[in-house]
Amino acid sequence: MQLYALCDIDTLHKGGVTILSFAARAKSLGSSVLQYRNKHADIATIKTDLIALRQVWEGFLIINDHYELAPFCDGVHIGQEDLYAIDPDPSRAIKILKMAIGEDKIIGLSTHNAAEIDIANTLDINYIGLGAYRATSTKSEAKVLGERLDEIAAHSKHPVAAIGGVKLDDTFQHVTYRVVGSGLL
């Protein structure tokens, strides 16, 4: 099972951690993917951070939500709301997204239950995020799946990234990536 590091800027700032030191820690733990999430900065700041991360990060660099910044990373991770904001038809939404970011970019989609996984199984995406495994401070509205996460993950035809409160020592049978957040590294 691979480590997927979630670099949430708000969490890093609260802990007094820089993005570059976070990237170094994620690398030292063997993370192969780093997702950059910044919900409050302007696009210029996010672009600057992505450029800085690209200088030190050799693994896959994924941007959360801001698919217009895909040229500065390897792909994009979007949520359910973002998918349907692109187009009410999920298949069309993914086709539009691929046209916007390029066919060679990675696309990840957040899912929260078997019904969303069933839809994701019909989409041309690279992986799903499934969760939340545990409650977290960054997604207080998330429904906690707990031990059911692994059972639900078995329904996915795509690689699964377990998200939400995952710890370094958590293990799963049907999960490819453990997504460990900024507060846990």
Protein backbone atom coordinates (compact mmCIF):
# COMPACT_ATOMS: atom_id res chain seq x y z
CA MET A 1 0.00 0.00 0.00
CA GLN A 2 1.41 3.34 -1.05
CA LEU A 3 1.46 6.59 0.91
CA TYR A 4 -0.38 9.59 -0.57
CA ALA A 5 0.41 12.83 1.27
CA LEU A 6 -2.27 15.50 1.52
CA CYS A 7 -0.68 18.92 1.85
CA ASP A 8 -3.47 21.11 3.28
CA ILE A 9 -2.13 24.64 3.57
CA ASP A 10 -4.50 25.72 6.37
CA THR A 11 -3.39 22.76 8.51
CA LEU A 12 0.28 23.42 7.76
CA HIS A 13 -0.04 27.09 8.75
CA LYS A 14 -1.74 26.16 12.04
CA GLY A 15 1.18 23.84 12.80
CA GLY A 16 3.86 26.29 11.67
CA VAL A 17 5.04 23.90 8.94
CA THR A 18 6.20 25.06 5.49
CA ILE A 19 5.15 23.29 2.31
CA LEU A 20 8.76 22.45 1.51
CA SER A 21 9.41 20.86 4.91
CA PHE A 22 6.13 18.96 4.54
CA ALA A 23 7.22 17.70 1.11
CA ALA A 24 10.58 16.62 2.56
CA ARG A 25 8.85 14.71 5.39
CA ALA A 26 6.42 13.05 2.96
CA LYS A 27 9.34 12.01 0.76
CA SER A 28 11.26 10.61 3.74
CA LEU A 29 8.23 8.44 4.58
CA GLY A 30 8.11 7.09 1.04
CA SER A 31 5.08 8.95 -0.30
CA SER A 32 4.65 8.58 -4.06
CA VAL A 33 1.87 11.18 -4.39
CA LEU A 34 1.47 14.66 -2.95
CA GLN A 35 -1.83 16.49 -3.25
CA TYR A 36 -1.74 20.25 -2.72
CA ARG A 37 -4.94 21.71 -1.22
CA ASN A 38 -5.44 25.40 -0.55
CA LYS A 39 -9.05 26.48 -0.14
CA HIS A 40 -8.43 30.14 0.68
CA ALA A 41 -5.55 31.54 -1.40
CA ASP A 42 -5.75 33.31 -4.72
CA ILE A 43 -4.74 31.48 -7.88
CA ALA A 44 -1.38 33.29 -8.13
CA THR A 45 -0.34 32.09 -4.65
CA ILE A 46 -1.40 28.53 -5.41
CA LYS A 47 0.55 28.60 -8.69
CA THR A 48 3.65 29.88 -6.87
CA ASP A 49 3.36 27.07 -4.31
CA LEU A 50 2.97 24.44 -7.05
CA ILE A 51 6.07 25.73 -8.83
CA ALA A 52 8.03 25.59 -5.55
CA LEU A 53 6.80 22.07 -4.83
CA ARG A 54 7.68 20.88 -8.34
CA GLN A 55 11.29 21.94 -7.68
CA VAL A 56 11.58 19.50 -4.73
CA TRP A 57 8.91 16.87 -5.31
CA GLU A 58 9.84 13.98 -7.63
CA GLY A 59 6.63 11.95 -7.23
CA PHE A 60 3.18 12.69 -8.58
CA LEU A 61 1.97 16.19 -7.75
CA ILE A 62 -1.81 16.61 -7.73
CA ILE A 63 -3.77 19.87 -7.37
CA ASN A 64 -7.03 19.83 -5.45
CA ASP A 65 -9.92 21.40 -7.39
CA HIS A 66 -8.01 24.07 -9.36
CA TYR A 67 -7.83 22.19 -12.67
CA GLU A 68 -6.79 25.38 -14.46
CA LEU A 69 -3.41 24.87 -12.77
CA ALA A 70 -2.95 21.35 -14.16
CA PRO A 71 -0.02 22.47 -16.38
CA PHE A 72 2.01 22.90 -13.18
CA CYS A 73 1.41 19.39 -11.85
CA ASP A 74 0.58 15.82 -12.85
CA GLY A 75 -3.15 15.94 -12.36
CA VAL A 76 -6.19 17.07 -10.45
CA HIS A 77 -8.36 15.71 -7.66
CA ILE A 78 -11.98 16.87 -7.64
CA GLY A 79 -14.92 16.36 -5.34
CA GLN A 80 -18.45 15.34 -6.19
CA GLU A 81 -19.67 18.95 -6.21
CA ASP A 82 -16.84 19.95 -8.56
CA LEU A 83 -17.69 17.09 -10.93
CA TYR A 84 -21.33 18.10 -11.22
CA ALA A 85 -20.45 21.79 -11.48
CA ILE A 86 -18.56 20.98 -14.70
CA ASP A 87 -21.59 19.18 -16.17
CA PRO A 88 -24.66 17.43 -14.71
CA ASP A 89 -23.69 14.29 -16.64
CA PRO A 90 -20.58 12.78 -14.95
CA SER A 91 -19.26 11.20 -18.18
CA ARG A 92 -19.51 14.50 -20.02
CA ALA A 93 -17.96 16.29 -17.05
CA ILE A 94 -14.88 14.03 -17.19
CA LYS A 95 -14.59 14.48 -20.97
CA ILE A 96 -14.73 18.26 -20.52
CA LEU A 97 -12.17 18.07 -17.71
CA LYS A 98 -9.82 15.96 -19.85
CA MET A 99 -10.10 18.50 -22.67
CA ALA A 100 -9.26 21.27 -20.18
CA ILE A 101 -6.27 19.60 -18.51
CA GLY A 102 -4.98 17.22 -21.19
CA GLU A 103 -5.31 13.50 -21.75
CA ASP A 104 -1.98 12.78 -20.04
CA LYS A 105 -3.03 14.20 -16.65
CA ILE A 106 -4.21 12.14 -13.68
CA ILE A 107 -7.80 12.57 -12.50
CA GLY A 108 -8.93 11.56 -9.03
CA LEU A 109 -12.49 11.80 -7.74
CA SER A 110 -13.72 11.85 -4.16
CA THR A 111 -16.38 9.27 -3.31
CA HIS A 112 -18.22 8.57 -0.09
CA ASN A 113 -20.37 5.49 -0.67
CA ALA A 114 -21.04 2.54 -2.98
CA ALA A 115 -23.47 4.53 -5.15
CA GLU A 116 -20.80 7.13 -5.96
CA ILE A 117 -18.31 4.34 -6.64
CA ASP A 118 -20.77 2.75 -9.08
CA ILE A 119 -20.86 6.04 -11.01
CA ALA A 120 -17.07 6.42 -10.78
CA ASN A 121 -16.69 2.91 -12.23
CA THR A 122 -18.22 4.22 -15.47
CA LEU A 123 -15.82 7.16 -15.70
CA ASP A 124 -12.42 7.51 -17.37
CA ILE A 125 -10.53 8.49 -14.21
CA ASN A 126 -7.32 7.22 -12.64
CA TYR A 127 -8.33 6.68 -9.01
CA ILE A 128 -10.97 7.44 -6.41
CA GLY A 129 -10.62 8.87 -2.95
CA LEU A 130 -12.99 7.11 -0.54
CA GLY A 131 -13.87 8.33 2.91
CA ALA A 132 -13.88 9.61 5.44
CA TYR A 133 -12.27 6.77 7.36
CA ARG A 134 -12.27 8.80 10.58
CA ALA A 135 -13.52 12.27 11.50
CA THR A 136 -11.14 15.11 10.66
CA SER A 137 -10.91 18.79 11.48
CA THR A 138 -10.77 19.81 7.79
CA LYS A 139 -13.96 18.02 6.70
CA SER A 140 -16.32 18.20 9.67
CA GLU A 141 -19.36 17.44 7.48
CA ALA A 142 -17.89 14.17 6.18
CA LYS A 143 -19.74 10.96 6.96
CA VAL A 144 -17.38 8.57 8.73
CA LEU A 145 -17.20 5.12 7.14
CA GLY A 146 -14.86 3.54 9.67
CA GLU A 147 -14.15 -0.14 9.13
CA ARG A 148 -16.78 -0.27 6.34
CA LEU A 149 -14.40 1.73 4.11
CA ASP A 150 -12.43 -1.35 3.09
CA GLU A 151 -15.60 -3.31 2.27
CA ILE A 152 -16.96 -0.43 0.16
CA ALA A 153 -13.56 -0.01 -1.56
CA ALA A 154 -13.87 -3.55 -2.92
CA HIS A 155 -16.59 -2.26 -5.31
CA SER A 156 -14.20 0.07 -7.15
CA LYS A 157 -12.61 -0.85 -10.47
CA HIS A 158 -10.18 2.04 -9.95
CA PRO A 159 -7.34 2.20 -7.43
CA VAL A 160 -8.70 3.49 -4.11
CA ALA A 161 -7.15 6.12 -1.88
CA ALA A 162 -8.51 5.91 1.68
CA ILE A 163 -9.10 9.48 2.86
CA GLY A 164 -10.07 11.23 6.06
CA GLY A 165 -8.26 10.63 9.30
CA VAL A 166 -6.03 7.85 7.97
CA LYS A 167 -2.92 7.15 10.04
CA LEU A 168 0.45 5.86 8.91
CA ASP A 169 -0.10 2.45 10.48
CA ASP A 170 -3.65 1.87 9.15
CA THR A 171 -3.96 -1.13 6.84
CA PHE A 172 -6.64 -2.05 4.33
CA GLN A 173 -7.22 -4.99 2.03
CA HIS A 174 -8.84 -3.18 -0.93
CA VAL A 175 -7.01 0.15 -0.78
CA THR A 176 -4.04 1.16 -2.94
CA TYR A 177 -3.17 4.45 -1.20
CA ARG A 178 -3.37 5.63 2.39
CA VAL A 179 -3.95 9.38 2.26
CA VAL A 180 -2.22 10.87 5.28
CA GLY A 181 -2.97 14.50 5.99
CA SER A 182 -0.80 17.42 6.91
CA GLY A 183 -1.51 17.11 10.62
CA LEU A 184 -0.38 13.48 10.77
CA LEU A 185 2.98 13.71 9.06
